[in-house]
Amino acid sequence: MGQPNPVGVLDKAVSILHAVADDPATLAELVERTGLPRATAHRLAVALEGHRLVRRRPDGSWAPGPALAELGRGSRDRADQLAEAATRHLVTLRDASGESAQFYVRDGAARVCVAAAERLTGLRDTVPVGARLPMTAGSAAHALLAFAPAEEVTPLLQSASFTARTLLDVRRRGWAHSVAEREPGVASLSAPVRDGAGGVLGAVSVSGPVERLGRRPSPEVVGAVLDAAHAIGRTAR
């Protein structure tokens, strides 16, 4: 007899979690909601209960367990810590570049500004914390998509202001640059922020008038952005 497929088992366990996400479920309801055989549904529910991912209620039904809430809180705590660390390094980047600096994370087909340090005087590009911008324009979008799986990138390219070649260039040199993609007269320079395993956590960016940042970014500004990306990434390791 062959060994069980671990991916298949995981899929079935996840289906149990989805089945109890909104409403508690008895064993019969688990079978109905997941389509799993009764014995399989019971075995997986008991295993998930052992990991505190589901819990048994007094009436015998299953409901989401405390470990799910703990995992969610841990994820939010890490995100808050990353945004806090990013803010500190964005101030340094703003002062070094003379331009407004932002840190973005991807949320599906959008990028969200989770930290920012605005230029203190003069003409500036203001992106408030919490702003949602499209993944189809701007250097931060380039930096976030350049290392994403092809199946996630291809649908976005159909309406993007950049091409697959743009993303290849970002992967090759490690940073992205755009001029007037998101907003007329605004240029930006971005770099991906990576964790210890090389995964992309977000993108650090500076943006401002084309007249100051230029159509070809200076080596000094490129270096400052890359330094900020490395510094923020170290906080996640």
C-alpha atoms as a PDB file:
ATOM      1  CA  MET A   1       0.000   0.000   0.000  1.00  0.00           C
ATOM      2  CA  GLY A   2       1.377   3.423  -0.957  1.00  0.00           C
ATOM      3  CA  GLN A   3       2.112   6.168   1.523  1.00  0.00           C
ATOM      4  CA  PRO A   4      -0.543   8.915   1.983  1.00  0.00           C
ATOM      5  CA  ASN A   5       0.003  12.033  -0.103  1.00  0.00           C
ATOM      6  CA  PRO A   6       1.031  14.711   2.460  1.00  0.00           C
ATOM      7  CA  VAL A   7      -0.313  17.513   0.261  1.00  0.00           C
ATOM      8  CA  GLY A   8      -3.642  15.745  -0.053  1.00  0.00           C
ATOM      9  CA  VAL A   9      -3.828  15.300   3.713  1.00  0.00           C
ATOM     10  CA  LEU A  10      -3.027  18.987   4.198  1.00  0.00           C
ATOM     11  CA  ASP A  11      -5.752  19.996   1.749  1.00  0.00           C
ATOM     12  CA  LYS A  12      -8.266  17.911   3.668  1.00  0.00           C
ATOM     13  CA  ALA A  13      -7.174  19.393   7.010  1.00  0.00           C
ATOM     14  CA  VAL A  14      -7.541  22.904   5.604  1.00  0.00           C
ATOM     15  CA  SER A  15     -11.022  22.032   4.397  1.00  0.00           C
ATOM     16  CA  ILE A  16     -11.918  21.169   8.008  1.00  0.00           C
ATOM     17  CA  LEU A  17     -10.672  24.588   9.158  1.00  0.00           C
ATOM     18  CA  HIS A  18     -12.724  26.327   6.477  1.00  0.00           C
ATOM     19  CA  ALA A  19     -15.783  24.262   7.419  1.00  0.00           C
ATOM     20  CA  VAL A  20     -15.780  25.577  11.006  1.00  0.00           C
ATOM     21  CA  ALA A  21     -14.560  29.109  10.263  1.00  0.00           C
ATOM     22  CA  ASP A  22     -17.997  30.759  10.332  1.00  0.00           C
ATOM     23  CA  ASP A  23     -20.159  28.281  12.215  1.00  0.00           C
ATOM     24  CA  PRO A  24     -19.350  25.373  14.548  1.00  0.00           C
ATOM     25  CA  ALA A  25     -19.935  21.990  12.965  1.00  0.00           C
ATOM     26  CA  THR A  26     -20.917  18.576  14.225  1.00  0.00           C
ATOM     27  CA  LEU A  27     -19.246  15.562  12.655  1.00  0.00           C
ATOM     28  CA  ALA A  28     -22.196  15.124  10.314  1.00  0.00           C
ATOM     29  CA  GLU A  29     -21.949  18.775   9.289  1.00  0.00           C
ATOM     30  CA  LEU A  30     -18.202  18.432   8.727  1.00  0.00           C
ATOM     31  CA  VAL A  31     -18.880  15.532   6.370  1.00  0.00           C
ATOM     32  CA  GLU A  32     -21.525  17.546   4.545  1.00  0.00           C
ATOM     33  CA  ARG A  33     -19.446  20.734   4.258  1.00  0.00           C
ATOM     34  CA  THR A  34     -16.163  19.082   3.238  1.00  0.00           C
ATOM     35  CA  GLY A  35     -17.341  16.039   1.296  1.00  0.00           C
ATOM     36  CA  LEU A  36     -14.863  13.907   3.258  1.00  0.00           C
ATOM     37  CA  PRO A  37     -15.657  10.396   4.446  1.00  0.00           C
ATOM     38  CA  ARG A  38     -16.915  10.330   8.015  1.00  0.00           C
ATOM     39  CA  ALA A  39     -13.873   8.493   9.382  1.00  0.00           C
ATOM     40  CA  THR A  40     -11.456  10.864   7.633  1.00  0.00           C
ATOM     41  CA  ALA A  41     -13.277  13.972   8.842  1.00  0.00           C
ATOM     42  CA  HIS A  42     -13.276  12.657  12.424  1.00  0.00           C
ATOM     43  CA  ARG A  43      -9.599  11.676  12.322  1.00  0.00           C
ATOM     44  CA  LEU A  44      -8.499  15.047  10.983  1.00  0.00           C
ATOM     45  CA  ALA A  45     -10.718  17.017  13.376  1.00  0.00           C
ATOM     46  CA  VAL A  46      -9.248  15.140  16.346  1.00  0.00           C
ATOM     47  CA  ALA A  47      -5.708  15.763  15.045  1.00  0.00           C
ATOM     48  CA  LEU A  48      -6.421  19.483  14.592  1.00  0.00           C
ATOM     49  CA  GLU A  49      -7.908  19.560  18.081  1.00  0.00           C
ATOM     50  CA  GLY A  50      -4.629  18.162  19.407  1.00  0.00           C
ATOM     51  CA  HIS A  51      -2.842  21.157  17.870  1.00  0.00           C
ATOM     52  CA  ARG A  52      -5.488  23.540  19.290  1.00  0.00           C
ATOM     53  CA  LEU A  53      -6.449  24.597  15.761  1.00  0.00           C
ATOM     54  CA  VAL A  54     -10.016  23.492  16.442  1.00  0.00           C
ATOM     55  CA  ARG A  55     -11.753  22.984  19.781  1.00  0.00           C
ATOM     56  CA  ARG A  56     -14.601  20.750  20.893  1.00  0.00           C
ATOM     57  CA  ARG A  57     -17.631  22.545  22.306  1.00  0.00           C
ATOM     58  CA  PRO A  58     -19.764  21.123  25.134  1.00  0.00           C
ATOM     59  CA  ASP A  59     -22.350  19.944  22.590  1.00  0.00           C
ATOM     60  CA  GLY A  60     -19.653  17.952  20.759  1.00  0.00           C
ATOM     61  CA  SER A  61     -19.354  20.232  17.730  1.00  0.00           C
ATOM     62  CA  TRP A  62     -16.061  21.677  16.545  1.00  0.00           C
ATOM     63  CA  ALA A  63     -15.187  25.387  16.362  1.00  0.00           C
ATOM     64  CA  PRO A  64     -12.006  27.374  15.559  1.00  0.00           C
ATOM     65  CA  GLY A  65      -9.351  26.780  18.215  1.00  0.00           C
ATOM     66  CA  PRO A  66      -7.239  29.251  20.211  1.00  0.00           C
ATOM     67  CA  ALA A  67      -4.084  28.522  18.206  1.00  0.00           C
ATOM     68  CA  LEU A  68      -5.620  30.173  15.130  1.00  0.00           C
ATOM     69  CA  ALA A  69      -6.105  33.443  17.022  1.00  0.00           C
ATOM     70  CA  GLU A  70      -2.574  33.190  18.413  1.00  0.00           C
ATOM     71  CA  LEU A  71      -1.152  32.731  14.929  1.00  0.00           C
ATOM     72  CA  GLY A  72      -3.125  35.736  13.703  1.00  0.00           C
ATOM     73  CA  ARG A  73      -1.903  37.906  16.561  1.00  0.00           C
ATOM     74  CA  GLY A  74       1.667  36.788  15.939  1.00  0.00           C
ATOM     75  CA  SER A  75       1.401  37.739  12.271  1.00  0.00           C
ATOM     76  CA  ARG A  76      -0.012  41.172  13.139  1.00  0.00           C
ATOM     77  CA  ASP A  77       2.691  41.700  15.761  1.00  0.00           C
ATOM     78  CA  ARG A  78       5.421  40.890  13.224  1.00  0.00           C
ATOM     79  CA  ALA A  79       3.825  43.230  10.680  1.00  0.00           C
ATOM     80  CA  ASP A  80       3.683  46.018  13.265  1.00  0.00           C
ATOM     81  CA  GLN A  81       7.315  45.442  14.220  1.00  0.00           C
ATOM     82  CA  LEU A  82       8.355  45.544  10.574  1.00  0.00           C
ATOM     83  CA  ALA A  83       6.447  48.796   9.963  1.00  0.00           C
ATOM     84  CA  GLU A  84       7.994  50.338  13.076  1.00  0.00           C
ATOM     85  CA  ALA A  85      11.494  49.340  12.005  1.00  0.00           C
ATOM     86  CA  ALA A  86      10.815  50.572   8.475  1.00  0.00           C
ATOM     87  CA  THR A  87       9.767  53.988   9.785  1.00  0.00           C
ATOM     88  CA  ARG A  88      13.113  54.453  11.529  1.00  0.00           C
ATOM     89  CA  HIS A  89      15.080  53.569   8.412  1.00  0.00           C
ATOM     90  CA  LEU A  90      12.818  55.642   6.159  1.00  0.00           C
ATOM     91  CA  VAL A  91      13.738  58.756   8.140  1.00  0.00           C
ATOM     92  CA  THR A  92      17.411  58.018   7.435  1.00  0.00           C
ATOM     93  CA  LEU A  93      16.611  57.399   3.757  1.00  0.00           C
ATOM     94  CA  ARG A  94      14.594  60.616   3.491  1.00  0.00           C
ATOM     95  CA  ASP A  95      17.443  62.617   4.997  1.00  0.00           C
ATOM     96  CA  ALA A  96      20.029  60.952   2.740  1.00  0.00           C
ATOM     97  CA  SER A  97      18.016  61.324  -0.483  1.00  0.00           C
ATOM     98  CA  GLY A  98      16.184  64.574   0.231  1.00  0.00           C
ATOM     99  CA  GLU A  99      12.926  62.951  -0.930  1.00  0.00           C
ATOM    100  CA  SER A 100       9.850  61.385   0.645  1.00  0.00           C
ATOM    101  CA  ALA A 101      10.339  57.716   1.498  1.00  0.00           C
ATOM    102  CA  GLN A 102       7.797  54.900   1.782  1.00  0.00           C
ATOM    103  CA  PHE A 103       7.582  51.215   2.624  1.00  0.00           C
ATOM    104  CA  TYR A 104       4.989  49.138   0.751  1.00  0.00           C
ATOM    105  CA  VAL A 105       3.688  45.622   1.186  1.00  0.00           C
ATOM    106  CA  ARG A 106       1.718  43.730  -1.404  1.00  0.00           C
ATOM    107  CA  ASP A 107      -1.949  42.884  -0.873  1.00  0.00           C
ATOM    108  CA  GLY A 108      -3.101  40.967  -3.932  1.00  0.00           C
ATOM    109  CA  ALA A 109      -3.412  43.350  -6.870  1.00  0.00           C
ATOM    110  CA  ALA A 110      -2.601  46.372  -4.695  1.00  0.00           C
ATOM    111  CA  ARG A 111       0.302  47.658  -2.662  1.00  0.00           C
ATOM    112  CA  VAL A 112      -0.260  49.282   0.700  1.00  0.00           C
ATOM    113  CA  CYS A 113       1.892  52.005   2.225  1.00  0.00           C
ATOM    114  CA  VAL A 114       2.547  50.834   5.800  1.00  0.00           C
ATOM    115  CA  ALA A 115       5.240  53.371   6.728  1.00  0.00           C
ATOM    116  CA  ALA A 116       6.372  56.736   5.373  1.00  0.00           C
ATOM    117  CA  ALA A 117       8.698  59.646   6.060  1.00  0.00           C
ATOM    118  CA  GLU A 118       7.802  62.788   4.130  1.00  0.00           C
ATOM    119  CA  ARG A 119      10.186  65.427   2.878  1.00  0.00           C
ATOM    120  CA  LEU A 120       9.960  68.268   5.374  1.00  0.00           C
ATOM    121  CA  THR A 121       9.980  71.250   3.023  1.00  0.00           C
ATOM    122  CA  GLY A 122       9.335  72.170  -0.597  1.00  0.00           C
ATOM    123  CA  LEU A 123       7.535  70.240  -3.310  1.00  0.00           C
ATOM    124  CA  ARG A 124       7.048  66.623  -2.288  1.00  0.00           C
ATOM    125  CA  ASP A 125       5.240  63.441  -3.253  1.00  0.00           C
ATOM    126  CA  THR A 126       2.949  62.568  -0.357  1.00  0.00           C
ATOM    127  CA  VAL A 127       1.738  58.996   0.104  1.00  0.00           C
ATOM    128  CA  PRO A 128      -0.149  58.622   3.401  1.00  0.00           C
ATOM    129  CA  VAL A 129       0.189  55.507   5.522  1.00  0.00           C
ATOM    130  CA  GLY A 130      -2.676  53.176   4.630  1.00  0.00           C
ATOM    131  CA  ALA A 131      -2.881  54.318   1.003  1.00  0.00           C
ATOM    132  CA  ARG A 132      -3.615  51.514  -1.475  1.00  0.00           C
ATOM    133  CA  LEU A 133      -1.966  51.881  -4.867  1.00  0.00           C
ATOM    134  CA  PRO A 134      -2.165  49.583  -7.894  1.00  0.00           C
ATOM    135  CA  MET A 135       0.407  46.932  -8.689  1.00  0.00           C
ATOM    136  CA  THR A 136       0.343  48.032 -12.319  1.00  0.00           C
ATOM    137  CA  ALA A 137       2.373  51.259 -12.064  1.00  0.00           C
ATOM    138  CA  GLY A 138       5.310  52.676 -10.149  1.00  0.00           C
ATOM    139  CA  SER A 139       8.748  51.407  -9.203  1.00  0.00           C
ATOM    140  CA  ALA A 140       7.521  49.857  -5.937  1.00  0.00           C
ATOM    141  CA  ALA A 141       5.183  47.670  -7.997  1.00  0.00           C
ATOM    142  CA  HIS A 142       8.168  46.652 -10.147  1.00  0.00           C
ATOM    143  CA  ALA A 143      10.173  45.703  -7.050  1.00  0.00           C
ATOM    144  CA  LEU A 144       7.327  43.688  -5.542  1.00  0.00           C
ATOM    145  CA  LEU A 145       6.449  41.825  -8.737  1.00  0.00           C
ATOM    146  CA  ALA A 146       9.938  41.167 -10.088  1.00  0.00           C
ATOM    147  CA  PHE A 147      10.406  38.221  -7.747  1.00  0.00           C
ATOM    148  CA  ALA A 148       6.803  36.982  -7.649  1.00  0.00           C
ATOM    149  CA  PRO A 149       5.678  33.725  -9.329  1.00  0.00           C
ATOM    150  CA  ALA A 150       4.915  34.041 -13.035  1.00  0.00           C
ATOM    151  CA  GLU A 151       1.293  32.991 -12.539  1.00  0.00           C
ATOM    152  CA  GLU A 152       0.769  36.035 -10.289  1.00  0.00           C
ATOM    153  CA  VAL A 153       2.617  38.451 -12.566  1.00  0.00           C
ATOM    154  CA  THR A 154       1.180  37.590 -15.979  1.00  0.00           C
ATOM    155  CA  PRO A 155      -2.431  38.703 -15.325  1.00  0.00           C
ATOM    156  CA  LEU A 156      -1.238  42.062 -13.961  1.00  0.00           C
ATOM    157  CA  LEU A 157       1.009  42.762 -16.947  1.00  0.00           C
ATOM    158  CA  GLN A 158      -2.025  42.954 -19.231  1.00  0.00           C
ATOM    159  CA  SER A 159      -2.936  46.366 -17.773  1.00  0.00           C
ATOM    160  CA  ALA A 160       0.457  47.433 -16.433  1.00  0.00           C
ATOM    161  CA  SER A 161       2.502  50.487 -17.416  1.00  0.00           C
ATOM    162  CA  PHE A 162       5.585  48.257 -17.596  1.00  0.00           C
ATOM    163  CA  THR A 163       6.554  44.996 -19.258  1.00  0.00           C
ATOM    164  CA  ALA A 164       8.070  41.652 -18.372  1.00  0.00           C
ATOM    165  CA  ARG A 165      11.410  43.030 -19.587  1.00  0.00           C
ATOM    166  CA  THR A 166      11.140  45.767 -16.955  1.00  0.00           C
ATOM    167  CA  LEU A 167      10.873  43.117 -14.252  1.00  0.00           C
ATOM    168  CA  LEU A 168      13.807  41.174 -15.693  1.00  0.00           C
ATOM    169  CA  ASP A 169      15.926  44.316 -15.410  1.00  0.00           C
ATOM    170  CA  VAL A 170      14.859  44.721 -11.772  1.00  0.00           C
ATOM    171  CA  ARG A 171      15.891  41.160 -10.964  1.00  0.00           C
ATOM    172  CA  ARG A 172      19.229  41.709 -12.657  1.00  0.00           C
ATOM    173  CA  ARG A 173      20.232  44.966 -10.938  1.00  0.00           C
ATOM    174  CA  GLY A 174      18.261  44.694  -7.669  1.00  0.00           C
ATOM    175  CA  TRP A 175      16.339  47.972  -7.841  1.00  0.00           C
ATOM    176  CA  ALA A 176      13.559  49.620  -9.856  1.00  0.00           C
ATOM    177  CA  HIS A 177      13.009  53.080 -11.307  1.00  0.00           C
ATOM    178  CA  SER A 178       9.967  54.693 -12.883  1.00  0.00           C
ATOM    179  CA  VAL A 179       9.098  58.099 -14.317  1.00  0.00           C
ATOM    180  CA  ALA A 180       5.512  59.392 -14.489  1.00  0.00           C
ATOM    181  CA  GLU A 181       3.985  55.900 -14.326  1.00  0.00           C
ATOM    182  CA  ARG A 182       1.738  56.477 -11.342  1.00  0.00           C
ATOM    183  CA  GLU A 183       1.467  60.257 -11.506  1.00  0.00           C
ATOM    184  CA  PRO A 184       2.626  62.830 -14.088  1.00  0.00           C
ATOM    185  CA  GLY A 185       5.830  64.583 -13.124  1.00  0.00           C
ATOM    186  CA  VAL A 186       6.712  62.120 -10.353  1.00  0.00           C
ATOM    187  CA  ALA A 187       9.682  59.749 -10.399  1.00  0.00           C
ATOM    188  CA  SER A 188      10.432  56.984  -7.930  1.00  0.00           C
ATOM    189  CA  LEU A 189      13.169  54.521  -7.061  1.00  0.00           C
ATOM    190  CA  SER A 190      12.514  51.294  -5.150  1.00  0.00           C
ATOM    191  CA  ALA A 191      14.195  48.113  -3.939  1.00  0.00           C
ATOM    192  CA  PRO A 192      12.766  44.869  -2.559  1.00  0.00           C
ATOM    193  CA  VAL A 193      13.099  44.162   1.152  1.00  0.00           C
ATOM    194  CA  ARG A 194      13.955  40.507   1.786  1.00  0.00           C
ATOM    195  CA  ASP A 195      13.865  38.245   4.804  1.00  0.00           C
ATOM    196  CA  GLY A 196      16.618  35.831   5.788  1.00  0.00           C
ATOM    197  CA  ALA A 197      15.318  33.187   3.372  1.00  0.00           C
ATOM    198  CA  GLY A 198      15.277  35.597   0.429  1.00  0.00           C
ATOM    199  CA  GLY A 199      11.502  36.089   0.400  1.00  0.00           C
ATOM    200  CA  VAL A 200      10.230  39.547  -0.490  1.00  0.00           C
ATOM    201  CA  LEU A 201       8.611  41.242   2.506  1.00  0.00           C
ATOM    202  CA  GLY A 202       7.915  44.549   0.809  1.00  0.00           C
ATOM    203  CA  ALA A 203       9.514  47.388  -1.110  1.00  0.00           C
ATOM    204  CA  VAL A 204      11.251  50.530   0.111  1.00  0.00           C
ATOM    205  CA  SER A 205      10.859  53.571  -2.103  1.00  0.00           C
ATOM    206  CA  VAL A 206      11.712  57.230  -2.541  1.00  0.00           C
ATOM    207  CA  SER A 207       9.560  59.475  -4.719  1.00  0.00           C
ATOM    208  CA  GLY A 208       9.569  63.075  -5.791  1.00  0.00           C
ATOM    209  CA  PRO A 209       9.512  65.437  -8.764  1.00  0.00           C
ATOM    210  CA  VAL A 210      11.296  64.222 -11.884  1.00  0.00           C
ATOM    211  CA  GLU A 211      13.274  67.475 -11.868  1.00  0.00           C
ATOM    212  CA  ARG A 212      14.983  66.435  -8.615  1.00  0.00           C
ATOM    213  CA  LEU A 213      15.169  62.634  -8.828  1.00  0.00           C
ATOM    214  CA  GLY A 214      15.962  62.677 -12.528  1.00  0.00           C
ATOM    215  CA  ARG A 215      15.140  60.311 -15.344  1.00  0.00           C
ATOM    216  CA  ARG A 216      18.291  58.399 -14.452  1.00  0.00           C
ATOM    217  CA  PRO A 217      18.762  58.056 -10.700  1.00  0.00           C
ATOM    218  CA  SER A 218      22.091  59.020  -9.204  1.00  0.00           C
ATOM    219  CA  PRO A 219      24.323  56.295  -7.734  1.00  0.00           C
ATOM    220  CA  GLU A 220      24.047  58.029  -4.354  1.00  0.00           C
ATOM    221  CA  VAL A 221      20.258  57.725  -4.245  1.00  0.00           C
ATOM    222  CA  VAL A 222      20.390  54.130  -5.529  1.00  0.00           C
ATOM    223  CA  GLY A 223      22.866  53.292  -2.774  1.00  0.00           C
ATOM    224  CA  ALA A 224      20.718  54.939  -0.110  1.00  0.00           C
ATOM    225  CA  VAL A 225      17.634  52.985  -1.176  1.00  0.00           C
ATOM    226  CA  LEU A 226      19.537  49.683  -1.251  1.00  0.00           C
ATOM    227  CA  ASP A 227      21.027  50.392   2.183  1.00  0.00           C
ATOM    228  CA  ALA A 228      17.554  51.067   3.579  1.00  0.00           C
ATOM    229  CA  ALA A 229      16.191  47.857   2.037  1.00  0.00           C
ATOM    230  CA  HIS A 230      18.995  45.806   3.590  1.00  0.00           C
ATOM    231  CA  ALA A 231      18.570  47.502   6.978  1.00  0.00           C
ATOM    232  CA  ILE A 232      14.814  46.886   7.092  1.00  0.00           C
ATOM    233  CA  GLY A 233      15.292  43.282   5.960  1.00  0.00           C
ATOM    234  CA  ARG A 234      17.752  42.627   8.791  1.00  0.00           C
ATOM    235  CA  THR A 235      15.061  43.459  11.347  1.00  0.00           C
ATOM    236  CA  ALA A 236      12.994  40.517  10.085  1.00  0.00           C
ATOM    237  CA  ARG A 237      15.767  37.943  10.529  1.00  0.00           C
END
